[in-house]
Amino acid sequence: LSASDSILLGALAILIAAIAYPKLLKRKSPTSGADWRLMKCMGL
C-alpha cells in the first residue's frame, strides 16, 4: 500500500475500534451506574 492509503486505512481501523468499544466495555465492565446525562454534559 502507499503511505497515504495506509494512513487513511489506519484511521478507519481506529474508527472501527471506537465503534466497537461500547459493546466490549459493557461486557467487561458494566456501566449500568453511569449517568448518560452527565456524560453528555461533559461532552457538550
PDB file of all heavy atoms in Angstrom:
ATOM      1  N   LEU A   1       0.837  -1.192   0.000  1.00  0.00           N
ATOM      2  CA  LEU A   1       0.000   0.000   0.000  1.00  0.00           C
ATOM      3  C   LEU A   1       0.875   1.247   0.000  1.00  0.00           C
ATOM      4  O   LEU A   1       2.003   1.231   0.504  1.00  0.00           O
ATOM      5  CB  LEU A   1      -0.921   0.016   1.224  1.00  0.00           C
ATOM      6  CG  LEU A   1      -2.011  -1.050   1.306  1.00  0.00           C
ATOM      7  CD1 LEU A   1      -2.696  -0.995   2.659  1.00  0.00           C
ATOM      8  CD2 LEU A   1      -3.032  -0.868   0.198  1.00  0.00           C
ATOM      9  N   SER A   2       0.348   2.329  -0.546  1.00  0.00           N
ATOM     10  CA  SER A   2       1.057   3.602  -0.470  1.00  0.00           C
ATOM     11  C   SER A   2       0.959   4.171   0.933  1.00  0.00           C
ATOM     12  O   SER A   2       0.103   3.764   1.731  1.00  0.00           O
ATOM     13  CB  SER A   2       0.473   4.591  -1.477  1.00  0.00           C
ATOM     14  OG  SER A   2      -0.859   4.916  -1.135  1.00  0.00           O
ATOM     15  N   ALA A   3       1.833   5.136   1.236  1.00  0.00           N
ATOM     16  CA  ALA A   3       1.817   5.742   2.570  1.00  0.00           C
ATOM     17  C   ALA A   3       0.502   6.445   2.850  1.00  0.00           C
ATOM     18  O   ALA A   3      -0.054   6.353   3.953  1.00  0.00           O
ATOM     19  CB  ALA A   3       2.987   6.719   2.705  1.00  0.00           C
ATOM     20  N   SER A   4      -0.041   7.139   1.853  1.00  0.00           N
ATOM     21  CA  SER A   4      -1.295   7.862   2.065  1.00  0.00           C
ATOM     22  C   SER A   4      -2.458   6.903   2.291  1.00  0.00           C
ATOM     23  O   SER A   4      -3.304   7.130   3.168  1.00  0.00           O
ATOM     24  CB  SER A   4      -1.578   8.776   0.865  1.00  0.00           C
ATOM     25  OG  SER A   4      -1.632   8.030  -0.335  1.00  0.00           O
ATOM     26  N   ASP A   5      -2.507   5.816   1.509  1.00  0.00           N
ATOM     27  CA  ASP A   5      -3.588   4.844   1.694  1.00  0.00           C
ATOM     28  C   ASP A   5      -3.488   4.154   3.050  1.00  0.00           C
ATOM     29  O   ASP A   5      -4.507   3.884   3.698  1.00  0.00           O
ATOM     30  CB  ASP A   5      -3.552   3.797   0.582  1.00  0.00           C
ATOM     31  CG  ASP A   5      -3.976   4.365  -0.765  1.00  0.00           C
ATOM     32  OD1 ASP A   5      -4.641   5.424  -0.767  1.00  0.00           O
ATOM     33  OD2 ASP A   5      -3.639   3.775  -1.806  1.00  0.00           O
ATOM     34  N   SER A   6      -2.256   3.870   3.486  1.00  0.00           N
ATOM     35  CA  SER A   6      -2.094   3.175   4.769  1.00  0.00           C
ATOM     36  C   SER A   6      -2.548   4.041   5.936  1.00  0.00           C
ATOM     37  O   SER A   6      -3.155   3.554   6.893  1.00  0.00           O
ATOM     38  CB  SER A   6      -0.625   2.762   4.955  1.00  0.00           C
ATOM     39  OG  SER A   6       0.204   3.905   5.088  1.00  0.00           O
ATOM     40  N   ILE A   7      -2.286   5.343   5.862  1.00  0.00           N
ATOM     41  CA  ILE A   7      -2.713   6.235   6.946  1.00  0.00           C
ATOM     42  C   ILE A   7      -4.230   6.345   6.985  1.00  0.00           C
ATOM     43  O   ILE A   7      -4.843   6.326   8.056  1.00  0.00           O
ATOM     44  CB  ILE A   7      -2.062   7.620   6.769  1.00  0.00           C
ATOM     45  CG1 ILE A   7      -0.541   7.529   7.019  1.00  0.00           C
ATOM     46  CG2 ILE A   7      -2.667   8.633   7.724  1.00  0.00           C
ATOM     47  CD1 ILE A   7       0.192   8.817   6.805  1.00  0.00           C
ATOM     48  N   LEU A   8      -4.866   6.440   5.811  1.00  0.00           N
ATOM     49  CA  LEU A   8      -6.325   6.516   5.779  1.00  0.00           C
ATOM     50  C   LEU A   8      -6.954   5.218   6.296  1.00  0.00           C
ATOM     51  O   LEU A   8      -7.919   5.244   7.075  1.00  0.00           O
ATOM     52  CB  LEU A   8      -6.797   6.802   4.359  1.00  0.00           C
ATOM     53  CG  LEU A   8      -8.309   7.011   4.194  1.00  0.00           C
ATOM     54  CD1 LEU A   8      -8.753   8.261   4.940  1.00  0.00           C
ATOM     55  CD2 LEU A   8      -8.687   7.119   2.719  1.00  0.00           C
ATOM     56  N   LEU A   9      -6.403   4.080   5.899  1.00  0.00           N
ATOM     57  CA  LEU A   9      -6.927   2.806   6.383  1.00  0.00           C
ATOM     58  C   LEU A   9      -6.682   2.643   7.880  1.00  0.00           C
ATOM     59  O   LEU A   9      -7.497   2.048   8.590  1.00  0.00           O
ATOM     60  CB  LEU A   9      -6.285   1.653   5.603  1.00  0.00           C
ATOM     61  CG  LEU A   9      -6.714   1.519   4.136  1.00  0.00           C
ATOM     62  CD1 LEU A   9      -5.908   0.426   3.446  1.00  0.00           C
ATOM     63  CD2 LEU A   9      -8.206   1.234   4.031  1.00  0.00           C
ATOM     64  N   GLY A  10      -5.563   3.161   8.361  1.00  0.00           N
ATOM     65  CA  GLY A  10      -5.303   3.128   9.794  1.00  0.00           C
ATOM     66  C   GLY A  10      -6.321   3.938  10.568  1.00  0.00           C
ATOM     67  O   GLY A  10      -6.805   3.514  11.631  1.00  0.00           O
ATOM     68  N   ALA A  11      -6.668   5.131  10.025  1.00  0.00           N
ATOM     69  CA  ALA A  11      -7.708   5.945  10.665  1.00  0.00           C
ATOM     70  C   ALA A  11      -9.053   5.221  10.656  1.00  0.00           C
ATOM     71  O   ALA A  11      -9.825   5.301  11.617  1.00  0.00           O
ATOM     72  CB  ALA A  11      -7.830   7.294   9.948  1.00  0.00           C
ATOM     73  N   LEU A  12      -9.323   4.488   9.567  1.00  0.00           N
ATOM     74  CA  LEU A  12     -10.559   3.703   9.503  1.00  0.00           C
ATOM     75  C   LEU A  12     -10.556   2.586  10.545  1.00  0.00           C
ATOM     76  O   LEU A  12     -11.577   2.313  11.184  1.00  0.00           O
ATOM     77  CB  LEU A  12     -10.719   3.121   8.099  1.00  0.00           C
ATOM     78  CG  LEU A  12     -11.948   2.226   7.865  1.00  0.00           C
ATOM     79  CD1 LEU A  12     -13.235   3.005   8.116  1.00  0.00           C
ATOM     80  CD2 LEU A  12     -11.933   1.652   6.454  1.00  0.00           C
ATOM     81  N   ALA A  13      -9.396   1.959  10.750  1.00  0.00           N
ATOM     82  CA  ALA A  13      -9.296   0.901  11.755  1.00  0.00           C
ATOM     83  C   ALA A  13      -9.555   1.443  13.157  1.00  0.00           C
ATOM     84  O   ALA A  13     -10.232   0.804  13.975  1.00  0.00           O
ATOM     85  CB  ALA A  13      -7.919   0.239  11.678  1.00  0.00           C
ATOM     86  N   ILE A  14      -9.036   2.621  13.446  1.00  0.00           N
ATOM     87  CA  ILE A  14      -9.269   3.236  14.762  1.00  0.00           C
ATOM     88  C   ILE A  14     -10.746   3.587  14.922  1.00  0.00           C
ATOM     89  O   ILE A  14     -11.331   3.429  16.001  1.00  0.00           O
ATOM     90  CB  ILE A  14      -8.375   4.473  14.922  1.00  0.00           C
ATOM     91  CG1 ILE A  14      -6.896   4.054  14.978  1.00  0.00           C
ATOM     92  CG2 ILE A  14      -8.739   5.252  16.185  1.00  0.00           C
ATOM     93  CD1 ILE A  14      -5.931   5.212  15.002  1.00  0.00           C
ATOM     94  N   LEU A  15     -11.378   4.059  13.840  1.00  0.00           N
ATOM     95  CA  LEU A  15     -12.798   4.369  13.895  1.00  0.00           C
ATOM     96  C   LEU A  15     -13.617   3.104  14.186  1.00  0.00           C
ATOM     97  O   LEU A  15     -14.550   3.126  14.996  1.00  0.00           O
ATOM     98  CB  LEU A  15     -13.253   4.997  12.581  1.00  0.00           C
ATOM     99  CG  LEU A  15     -14.760   5.277  12.441  1.00  0.00           C
ATOM    100  CD1 LEU A  15     -15.214   6.284  13.473  1.00  0.00           C
ATOM    101  CD2 LEU A  15     -15.098   5.754  11.035  1.00  0.00           C
ATOM    102  N   ILE A  16     -13.257   2.005  13.550  1.00  0.00           N
ATOM    103  CA  ILE A  16     -13.971   0.746  13.789  1.00  0.00           C
ATOM    104  C   ILE A  16     -13.794   0.298  15.236  1.00  0.00           C
ATOM    105  O   ILE A  16     -14.739  -0.177  15.888  1.00  0.00           O
ATOM    106  CB  ILE A  16     -13.486  -0.340  12.806  1.00  0.00           C
ATOM    107  CG1 ILE A  16     -13.887   0.043  11.374  1.00  0.00           C
ATOM    108  CG2 ILE A  16     -14.065  -1.703  13.171  1.00  0.00           C
ATOM    109  CD1 ILE A  16     -13.330  -0.875  10.313  1.00  0.00           C
ATOM    110  N   ALA A  17     -12.582   0.466  15.763  1.00  0.00           N
ATOM    111  CA  ALA A  17     -12.346   0.114  17.164  1.00  0.00           C
ATOM    112  C   ALA A  17     -13.177   0.985  18.099  1.00  0.00           C
ATOM    113  O   ALA A  17     -13.724   0.506  19.103  1.00  0.00           O
ATOM    114  CB  ALA A  17     -10.858   0.255  17.489  1.00  0.00           C
ATOM    115  N   ALA A  18     -13.296   2.278  17.760  1.00  0.00           N
ATOM    116  CA  ALA A  18     -14.121   3.169  18.578  1.00  0.00           C
ATOM    117  C   ALA A  18     -15.589   2.791  18.502  1.00  0.00           C
ATOM    118  O   ALA A  18     -16.325   2.909  19.492  1.00  0.00           O
ATOM    119  CB  ALA A  18     -13.921   4.618  18.119  1.00  0.00           C
ATOM    120  N   ILE A  19     -16.032   2.317  17.338  1.00  0.00           N
ATOM    121  CA  ILE A  19     -17.418   1.887  17.196  1.00  0.00           C
ATOM    122  C   ILE A  19     -17.696   0.654  18.057  1.00  0.00           C
ATOM    123  O   ILE A  19     -18.780   0.501  18.636  1.00  0.00           O
ATOM    124  CB  ILE A  19     -17.725   1.598  15.713  1.00  0.00           C
ATOM    125  CG1 ILE A  19     -17.720   2.911  14.899  1.00  0.00           C
ATOM    126  CG2 ILE A  19     -19.070   0.896  15.559  1.00  0.00           C
ATOM    127  CD1 ILE A  19     -17.869   2.709  13.418  1.00  0.00           C
ATOM    128  N   ALA A  20     -16.709  -0.213  18.176  1.00  0.00           N
ATOM    129  CA  ALA A  20     -16.904  -1.475  18.896  1.00  0.00           C
ATOM    130  C   ALA A  20     -16.747  -1.342  20.407  1.00  0.00           C
ATOM    131  O   ALA A  20     -17.236  -2.206  21.143  1.00  0.00           O
ATOM    132  CB  ALA A  20     -15.932  -2.528  18.366  1.00  0.00           C
ATOM    133  N   TYR A  21     -16.114  -0.275  20.892  1.00  0.00           N
ATOM    134  CA  TYR A  21     -15.760  -0.251  22.314  1.00  0.00           C
ATOM    135  C   TYR A  21     -16.945  -0.225  23.278  1.00  0.00           C
ATOM    136  O   TYR A  21     -16.855  -0.806  24.362  1.00  0.00           O
ATOM    137  CB  TYR A  21     -14.797   0.920  22.592  1.00  0.00           C
ATOM    138  CG  TYR A  21     -15.417   2.188  23.104  1.00  0.00           C
ATOM    139  CD1 TYR A  21     -15.607   2.393  24.464  1.00  0.00           C
ATOM    140  CD2 TYR A  21     -15.801   3.210  22.240  1.00  0.00           C
ATOM    141  CE1 TYR A  21     -16.172   3.567  24.944  1.00  0.00           C
ATOM    142  CE2 TYR A  21     -16.358   4.382  22.704  1.00  0.00           C
ATOM    143  CZ  TYR A  21     -16.545   4.555  24.063  1.00  0.00           C
ATOM    144  OH  TYR A  21     -17.096   5.710  24.541  1.00  0.00           O
ATOM    145  N   PRO A  22     -18.086   0.403  22.963  1.00  0.00           N
ATOM    146  CA  PRO A  22     -19.182   0.362  23.945  1.00  0.00           C
ATOM    147  C   PRO A  22     -19.671  -1.057  24.242  1.00  0.00           C
ATOM    148  O   PRO A  22     -19.968  -1.394  25.394  1.00  0.00           O
ATOM    149  CB  PRO A  22     -20.275   1.208  23.284  1.00  0.00           C
ATOM    150  CG  PRO A  22     -19.560   2.100  22.340  1.00  0.00           C
ATOM    151  CD  PRO A  22     -18.436   1.287  21.825  1.00  0.00           C
ATOM    152  N   LYS A  23     -19.740  -1.918  23.209  1.00  0.00           N
ATOM    153  CA  LYS A  23     -20.179  -3.285  23.433  1.00  0.00           C
ATOM    154  C   LYS A  23     -19.166  -4.069  24.259  1.00  0.00           C
ATOM    155  O   LYS A  23     -19.527  -4.822  25.176  1.00  0.00           O
ATOM    156  CB  LYS A  23     -20.398  -3.972  22.082  1.00  0.00           C
ATOM    157  CG  LYS A  23     -21.557  -3.397  21.278  1.00  0.00           C
ATOM    158  CD  LYS A  23     -22.891  -3.636  21.966  1.00  0.00           C
ATOM    159  CE  LYS A  23     -24.048  -3.145  21.115  1.00  0.00           C
ATOM    160  NZ  LYS A  23     -25.355  -3.345  21.777  1.00  0.00           N
ATOM    161  N   LEU A  24     -17.868  -3.877  23.933  1.00  0.00           N
ATOM    162  CA  LEU A  24     -16.833  -4.571  24.692  1.00  0.00           C
ATOM    163  C   LEU A  24     -16.801  -4.077  26.129  1.00  0.00           C
ATOM    164  O   LEU A  24     -16.621  -4.857  27.072  1.00  0.00           O
ATOM    165  CB  LEU A  24     -15.469  -4.356  24.021  1.00  0.00           C
ATOM    166  CG  LEU A  24     -15.327  -4.937  22.601  1.00  0.00           C
ATOM    167  CD1 LEU A  24     -13.968  -4.561  22.026  1.00  0.00           C
ATOM    168  CD2 LEU A  24     -15.500  -6.448  22.612  1.00  0.00           C
ATOM    169  N   LEU A  25     -16.968  -2.778  26.321  1.00  0.00           N
ATOM    170  CA  LEU A  25     -16.943  -2.210  27.668  1.00  0.00           C
ATOM    171  C   LEU A  25     -18.118  -2.720  28.491  1.00  0.00           C
ATOM    172  O   LEU A  25     -17.984  -2.991  29.697  1.00  0.00           O
ATOM    173  CB  LEU A  25     -16.984  -0.680  27.585  1.00  0.00           C
ATOM    174  CG  LEU A  25     -16.799   0.088  28.896  1.00  0.00           C
ATOM    175  CD1 LEU A  25     -15.425  -0.172  29.467  1.00  0.00           C
ATOM    176  CD2 LEU A  25     -17.007   1.575  28.661  1.00  0.00           C
ATOM    177  N   LYS A  26     -19.243  -2.887  27.858  1.00  0.00           N
ATOM    178  CA  LYS A  26     -20.427  -3.370  28.581  1.00  0.00           C
ATOM    179  C   LYS A  26     -20.244  -4.803  29.050  1.00  0.00           C
ATOM    180  O   LYS A  26     -20.698  -5.196  30.119  1.00  0.00           O
ATOM    181  CB  LYS A  26     -21.647  -3.259  27.678  1.00  0.00           C
ATOM    182  CG  LYS A  26     -22.963  -3.583  28.374  1.00  0.00           C
ATOM    183  CD  LYS A  26     -24.128  -3.345  27.445  1.00  0.00           C
ATOM    184  CE  LYS A  26     -25.445  -3.656  28.151  1.00  0.00           C
ATOM    185  NZ  LYS A  26     -26.602  -3.434  27.273  1.00  0.00           N
ATOM    186  N   ARG A  27     -19.514  -5.613  28.258  1.00  0.00           N
ATOM    187  CA  ARG A  27     -19.282  -6.997  28.644  1.00  0.00           C
ATOM    188  C   ARG A  27     -18.264  -7.101  29.769  1.00  0.00           C
ATOM    189  O   ARG A  27     -18.423  -7.863  30.716  1.00  0.00           O
ATOM    190  CB  ARG A  27     -18.781  -7.795  27.437  1.00  0.00           C
ATOM    191  CG  ARG A  27     -19.833  -7.979  26.348  1.00  0.00           C
ATOM    192  CD  ARG A  27     -19.251  -8.723  25.167  1.00  0.00           C
ATOM    193  NE  ARG A  27     -20.228  -8.874  24.083  1.00  0.00           N
ATOM    194  CZ  ARG A  27     -19.946  -9.453  22.915  1.00  0.00           C
ATOM    195  NH1 ARG A  27     -18.729  -9.931  22.698  1.00  0.00           N
ATOM    196  NH2 ARG A  27     -20.876  -9.543  21.995  1.00  0.00           N
ATOM    197  N   LYS A  28     -17.192  -6.325  29.673  1.00  0.00           N
ATOM    198  CA  LYS A  28     -16.113  -6.431  30.646  1.00  0.00           C
ATOM    199  C   LYS A  28     -16.414  -5.689  31.930  1.00  0.00           C
ATOM    200  O   LYS A  28     -16.117  -6.139  33.026  1.00  0.00           O
ATOM    201  CB  LYS A  28     -14.808  -5.876  30.024  1.00  0.00           C
ATOM    202  CG  LYS A  28     -14.343  -6.641  28.786  1.00  0.00           C
ATOM    203  CD  LYS A  28     -13.927  -8.061  29.120  1.00  0.00           C
ATOM    204  CE  LYS A  28     -13.378  -8.784  27.896  1.00  0.00           C
ATOM    205  NZ  LYS A  28     -13.003 -10.176  28.218  1.00  0.00           N
ATOM    206  N   SER A  29     -17.005  -4.489  31.788  1.00  0.00           N
ATOM    207  CA  SER A  29     -17.247  -3.649  32.963  1.00  0.00           C
ATOM    208  C   SER A  29     -18.577  -2.940  32.791  1.00  0.00           C
ATOM    209  O   SER A  29     -18.642  -1.866  32.182  1.00  0.00           O
ATOM    210  CB  SER A  29     -16.113  -2.628  33.135  1.00  0.00           C
ATOM    211  OG  SER A  29     -16.387  -1.768  34.205  1.00  0.00           O
ATOM    212  N   PRO A  30     -19.652  -3.536  33.243  1.00  0.00           N
ATOM    213  CA  PRO A  30     -20.977  -2.943  33.033  1.00  0.00           C
ATOM    214  C   PRO A  30     -21.039  -1.505  33.531  1.00  0.00           C
ATOM    215  O   PRO A  30     -20.528  -1.176  34.592  1.00  0.00           O
ATOM    216  CB  PRO A  30     -21.903  -3.863  33.843  1.00  0.00           C
ATOM    217  CG  PRO A  30     -21.160  -5.154  33.945  1.00  0.00           C
ATOM    218  CD  PRO A  30     -19.712  -4.795  34.006  1.00  0.00           C
ATOM    219  N   THR A  31     -21.665  -0.635  32.747  1.00  0.00           N
ATOM    220  CA  THR A  31     -21.758   0.789  33.093  1.00  0.00           C
ATOM    221  C   THR A  31     -23.186   1.166  33.439  1.00  0.00           C
ATOM    222  O   THR A  31     -23.642   2.277  33.142  1.00  0.00           O
ATOM    223  CB  THR A  31     -21.271   1.649  31.908  1.00  0.00           C
ATOM    224  OG1 THR A  31     -22.062   1.311  30.767  1.00  0.00           O
ATOM    225  CG2 THR A  31     -19.815   1.411  31.613  1.00  0.00           C
ATOM    226  N   SER A  32     -23.882   0.219  34.074  1.00  0.00           N
ATOM    227  CA  SER A  32     -25.280   0.498  34.402  1.00  0.00           C
ATOM    228  C   SER A  32     -25.425   1.646  35.378  1.00  0.00           C
ATOM    229  O   SER A  32     -26.466   2.277  35.461  1.00  0.00           O
ATOM    230  CB  SER A  32     -25.939  -0.756  34.975  1.00  0.00           C
ATOM    231  OG  SER A  32     -25.236  -1.190  36.132  1.00  0.00           O
ATOM    232  N   GLY A  33     -24.368   1.954  36.139  1.00  0.00           N
ATOM    233  CA  GLY A  33     -24.453   3.055  37.095  1.00  0.00           C
ATOM    234  C   GLY A  33     -24.089   4.393  36.497  1.00  0.00           C
ATOM    235  O   GLY A  33     -24.168   5.417  37.171  1.00  0.00           O
ATOM    236  N   ALA A  34     -23.660   4.403  35.227  1.00  0.00           N
ATOM    237  CA  ALA A  34     -23.251   5.646  34.592  1.00  0.00           C
ATOM    238  C   ALA A  34     -24.467   6.491  34.226  1.00  0.00           C
ATOM    239  O   ALA A  34     -25.504   5.971  33.809  1.00  0.00           O
ATOM    240  CB  ALA A  34     -22.427   5.350  33.347  1.00  0.00           C
ATOM    241  N   ASP A  35     -24.354   7.764  34.396  1.00  0.00           N
ATOM    242  CA  ASP A  35     -25.430   8.693  34.066  1.00  0.00           C
ATOM    243  C   ASP A  35     -25.131   9.289  32.691  1.00  0.00           C
ATOM    244  O   ASP A  35     -24.184  10.063  32.529  1.00  0.00           O
ATOM    245  CB  ASP A  35     -25.507   9.781  35.124  1.00  0.00           C
ATOM    246  CG  ASP A  35     -26.628  10.774  34.843  1.00  0.00           C
ATOM    247  OD1 ASP A  35     -27.420  10.531  33.912  1.00  0.00           O
ATOM    248  OD2 ASP A  35     -26.703  11.782  35.548  1.00  0.00           O
ATOM    249  N   TRP A  36     -25.936   8.936  31.690  1.00  0.00           N
ATOM    250  CA  TRP A  36     -25.672   9.427  30.343  1.00  0.00           C
ATOM    251  C   TRP A  36     -25.846  10.940  30.271  1.00  0.00           C
ATOM    252  O   TRP A  36     -25.230  11.594  29.408  1.00  0.00           O
ATOM    253  CB  TRP A  36     -26.585   8.739  29.335  1.00  0.00           C
ATOM    254  CG  TRP A  36     -28.050   9.044  29.477  1.00  0.00           C
ATOM    255  CD1 TRP A  36     -28.976   8.352  30.164  1.00  0.00           C
ATOM    256  CD2 TRP A  36     -28.734  10.166  28.887  1.00  0.00           C
ATOM    257  NE1 TRP A  36     -30.213   8.939  30.070  1.00  0.00           N
ATOM    258  CE2 TRP A  36     -30.108  10.047  29.278  1.00  0.00           C
ATOM    259  CE3 TRP A  36     -28.355  11.222  28.081  1.00  0.00           C
ATOM    260  CZ2 TRP A  36     -31.062  10.973  28.877  1.00  0.00           C
ATOM    261  CZ3 TRP A  36     -29.303  12.143  27.691  1.00  0.00           C
ATOM    262  CH2 TRP A  36     -30.640  12.022  28.081  1.00  0.00           C
ATOM    263  N   ARG A  37     -26.638  11.496  31.171  1.00  0.00           N
ATOM    264  CA  ARG A  37     -26.818  12.954  31.175  1.00  0.00           C
ATOM    265  C   ARG A  37     -25.525  13.660  31.557  1.00  0.00           C
ATOM    266  O   ARG A  37     -25.167  14.688  30.982  1.00  0.00           O
ATOM    267  CB  ARG A  37     -27.943  13.324  32.136  1.00  0.00           C
ATOM    268  CG  ARG A  37     -29.310  12.755  31.744  1.00  0.00           C
ATOM    269  CD  ARG A  37     -30.345  13.020  32.801  1.00  0.00           C
ATOM    270  NE  ARG A  37     -31.621  12.399  32.490  1.00  0.00           N
ATOM    271  CZ  ARG A  37     -31.918  11.136  32.755  1.00  0.00           C
ATOM    272  NH1 ARG A  37     -31.007  10.354  33.354  1.00  0.00           N
ATOM    273  NH2 ARG A  37     -33.091  10.638  32.428  1.00  0.00           N
ATOM    274  N   LEU A  38     -24.841  13.127  32.544  1.00  0.00           N
ATOM    275  CA  LEU A  38     -23.564  13.716  32.941  1.00  0.00           C
ATOM    276  C   LEU A  38     -22.523  13.531  31.844  1.00  0.00           C
ATOM    277  O   LEU A  38     -21.726  14.431  31.563  1.00  0.00           O
ATOM    278  CB  LEU A  38     -23.077  13.087  34.250  1.00  0.00           C
ATOM    279  CG  LEU A  38     -21.724  13.591  34.773  1.00  0.00           C
ATOM    280  CD1 LEU A  38     -21.746  15.100  34.952  1.00  0.00           C
ATOM    281  CD2 LEU A  38     -21.374  12.903  36.082  1.00  0.00           C
ATOM    282  N   MET A  39     -22.531  12.343  31.216  1.00  0.00           N
ATOM    283  CA  MET A  39     -21.607  12.109  30.110  1.00  0.00           C
ATOM    284  C   MET A  39     -21.861  13.106  28.973  1.00  0.00           C
ATOM    285  O   MET A  39     -20.929  13.661  28.378  1.00  0.00           O
ATOM    286  CB  MET A  39     -21.766  10.671  29.594  1.00  0.00           C
ATOM    287  CG  MET A  39     -20.761  10.293  28.512  1.00  0.00           C
ATOM    288  SD  MET A  39     -21.031   8.629  27.842  1.00  0.00           S
ATOM    289  CE  MET A  39     -20.737   7.646  29.311  1.00  0.00           C
ATOM    290  N   LYS A  40     -23.141  13.346  28.690  1.00  0.00           N
ATOM    291  CA  LYS A  40     -23.481  14.308  27.638  1.00  0.00           C
ATOM    292  C   LYS A  40     -23.081  15.721  28.036  1.00  0.00           C
ATOM    293  O   LYS A  40     -22.585  16.494  27.203  1.00  0.00           O
ATOM    294  CB  LYS A  40     -24.980  14.237  27.370  1.00  0.00           C
ATOM    295  CG  LYS A  40     -25.449  15.162  26.253  1.00  0.00           C
ATOM    296  CD  LYS A  40     -26.910  14.921  25.926  1.00  0.00           C
ATOM    297  CE  LYS A  40     -27.378  15.821  24.802  1.00  0.00           C
ATOM    298  NZ  LYS A  40     -28.790  15.560  24.426  1.00  0.00           N
ATOM    299  N   CYS A  41     -23.288  16.048  29.304  1.00  0.00           N
ATOM    300  CA  CYS A  41     -22.897  17.371  29.800  1.00  0.00           C
ATOM    301  C   CYS A  41     -21.409  17.600  29.594  1.00  0.00           C
ATOM    302  O   CYS A  41     -20.990  18.640  29.090  1.00  0.00           O
ATOM    303  CB  CYS A  41     -23.273  17.498  31.268  1.00  0.00           C
ATOM    304  SG  CYS A  41     -22.730  19.044  32.033  1.00  0.00           S
ATOM    305  N   MET A  42     -20.613  16.606  29.967  1.00  0.00           N
ATOM    306  CA  MET A  42     -19.159  16.742  29.821  1.00  0.00           C
ATOM    307  C   MET A  42     -18.760  16.822  28.356  1.00  0.00           C
ATOM    308  O   MET A  42     -17.887  17.598  27.966  1.00  0.00           O
ATOM    309  CB  MET A  42     -18.463  15.567  30.507  1.00  0.00           C
ATOM    310  CG  MET A  42     -18.695  15.513  32.011  1.00  0.00           C
ATOM    311  SD  MET A  42     -17.735  14.211  32.804  1.00  0.00           S
ATOM    312  CE  MET A  42     -16.083  14.801  32.498  1.00  0.00           C
ATOM    313  N   GLY A  43     -19.410  16.005  27.507  1.00  0.00           N
ATOM    314  CA  GLY A  43     -19.097  16.040  26.084  1.00  0.00           C
ATOM    315  C   GLY A  43     -19.453  17.366  25.441  1.00  0.00           C
ATOM    316  O   GLY A  43     -18.701  17.903  24.634  1.00  0.00           O
ATOM    317  N   LEU A  44     -20.621  17.923  25.795  1.00  0.00           N
ATOM    318  CA  LEU A  44     -21.034  19.208  25.230  1.00  0.00           C
ATOM    319  C   LEU A  44     -20.138  20.347  25.688  1.00  0.00           C
ATOM    320  O   LEU A  44     -19.788  21.242  24.908  1.00  0.00           O
ATOM    321  CB  LEU A  44     -22.489  19.499  25.604  1.00  0.00           C
ATOM    322  CG  LEU A  44     -23.552  18.591  24.968  1.00  0.00           C
ATOM    323  CD1 LEU A  44     -24.933  18.943  25.489  1.00  0.00           C
ATOM    324  CD2 LEU A  44     -23.517  18.695  23.456  1.00  0.00           C
TER     325      LEU A  44
END
